[in-house]
């Protein structure tokens, strides 16, 4: 996910850019897909975010 790697964007901004009406909906979808919160994914050590 390219947008989550941009530290200057908040989770709300990422959710909005992806078309979510609420950041909480994006958070739930992200957790279902990746098994952790968007913030945890953002600070992953691997270059591809995984």
C-alpha atoms as a PDB file:
ATOM      1  CA  UNK A   1       0.000   0.000   0.000  1.00  0.00           C
ATOM      2  CA  UNK A   2       1.783   3.099  -1.188  1.00  0.00           C
ATOM      3  CA  UNK A   3      -0.193   5.726   0.723  1.00  0.00           C
ATOM      4  CA  UNK A   4       0.496   4.174   4.122  1.00  0.00           C
ATOM      5  CA  UNK A   5       4.226   4.655   3.560  1.00  0.00           C
ATOM      6  CA  UNK A   6       3.876   8.434   3.440  1.00  0.00           C
ATOM      7  CA  UNK A   7       4.484   9.582   7.013  1.00  0.00           C
ATOM      8  CA  UNK A   8       3.138  13.058   6.248  1.00  0.00           C
ATOM      9  CA  UNK A   9      -0.410  11.739   5.699  1.00  0.00           C
ATOM     10  CA  UNK A  10      -2.683  11.014   8.632  1.00  0.00           C
ATOM     11  CA  UNK A  11      -4.821   7.888   8.714  1.00  0.00           C
ATOM     12  CA  UNK A  12      -7.852  10.130   8.131  1.00  0.00           C
ATOM     13  CA  UNK A  13      -6.237  11.616   5.021  1.00  0.00           C
ATOM     14  CA  UNK A  14      -5.359   8.186   3.665  1.00  0.00           C
ATOM     15  CA  UNK A  15      -8.907   6.952   4.315  1.00  0.00           C
ATOM     16  CA  UNK A  16     -10.351   9.992   2.556  1.00  0.00           C
ATOM     17  CA  UNK A  17      -8.075   9.553  -0.479  1.00  0.00           C
ATOM     18  CA  UNK A  18      -9.129   5.924  -0.734  1.00  0.00           C
ATOM     19  CA  UNK A  19     -12.807   6.877  -0.677  1.00  0.00           C
ATOM     20  CA  UNK A  20     -13.759   5.856   2.864  1.00  0.00           C
ATOM     21  CA  UNK A  21     -16.436   8.036   4.420  1.00  0.00           C
ATOM     22  CA  UNK A  22     -14.930   7.542   7.895  1.00  0.00           C
ATOM     23  CA  UNK A  23     -11.415   6.744   9.074  1.00  0.00           C
ATOM     24  CA  UNK A  24     -12.822   4.046  11.367  1.00  0.00           C
ATOM     25  CA  UNK A  25     -14.154   2.142   8.342  1.00  0.00           C
ATOM     26  CA  UNK A  26     -10.724   2.243   6.726  1.00  0.00           C
ATOM     27  CA  UNK A  27      -9.156   1.112  10.009  1.00  0.00           C
ATOM     28  CA  UNK A  28     -11.464  -1.918  10.214  1.00  0.00           C
ATOM     29  CA  UNK A  29     -10.886  -2.875   6.574  1.00  0.00           C
ATOM     30  CA  UNK A  30      -7.129  -2.499   6.986  1.00  0.00           C
ATOM     31  CA  UNK A  31      -7.113  -4.634  10.153  1.00  0.00           C
ATOM     32  CA  UNK A  32      -9.110  -7.370   8.386  1.00  0.00           C
ATOM     33  CA  UNK A  33      -6.705  -7.384   5.447  1.00  0.00           C
ATOM     34  CA  UNK A  34      -3.341  -7.024   7.211  1.00  0.00           C
ATOM     35  CA  UNK A  35      -4.078  -8.193  10.756  1.00  0.00           C
ATOM     36  CA  UNK A  36      -2.860  -4.982  12.397  1.00  0.00           C
ATOM     37  CA  UNK A  37      -3.665  -1.299  12.649  1.00  0.00           C
ATOM     38  CA  UNK A  38      -2.665   1.061   9.804  1.00  0.00           C
ATOM     39  CA  UNK A  39      -0.211   2.833  12.127  1.00  0.00           C
ATOM     40  CA  UNK A  40       1.582  -0.447  12.819  1.00  0.00           C
ATOM     41  CA  UNK A  41       1.886  -1.121   9.088  1.00  0.00           C
ATOM     42  CA  UNK A  42       3.235   2.369   8.450  1.00  0.00           C
ATOM     43  CA  UNK A  43       6.227   1.870  10.746  1.00  0.00           C
ATOM     44  CA  UNK A  44       7.167  -1.585   9.495  1.00  0.00           C
ATOM     45  CA  UNK A  45      10.914  -2.006   8.920  1.00  0.00           C
ATOM     46  CA  UNK A  46      10.703  -3.706   5.536  1.00  0.00           C
ATOM     47  CA  UNK A  47      10.891  -1.566   2.379  1.00  0.00           C
ATOM     48  CA  UNK A  48       7.642  -2.977   1.000  1.00  0.00           C
ATOM     49  CA  UNK A  49       5.785  -2.312   4.266  1.00  0.00           C
ATOM     50  CA  UNK A  50       5.224  -6.012   4.970  1.00  0.00           C
END
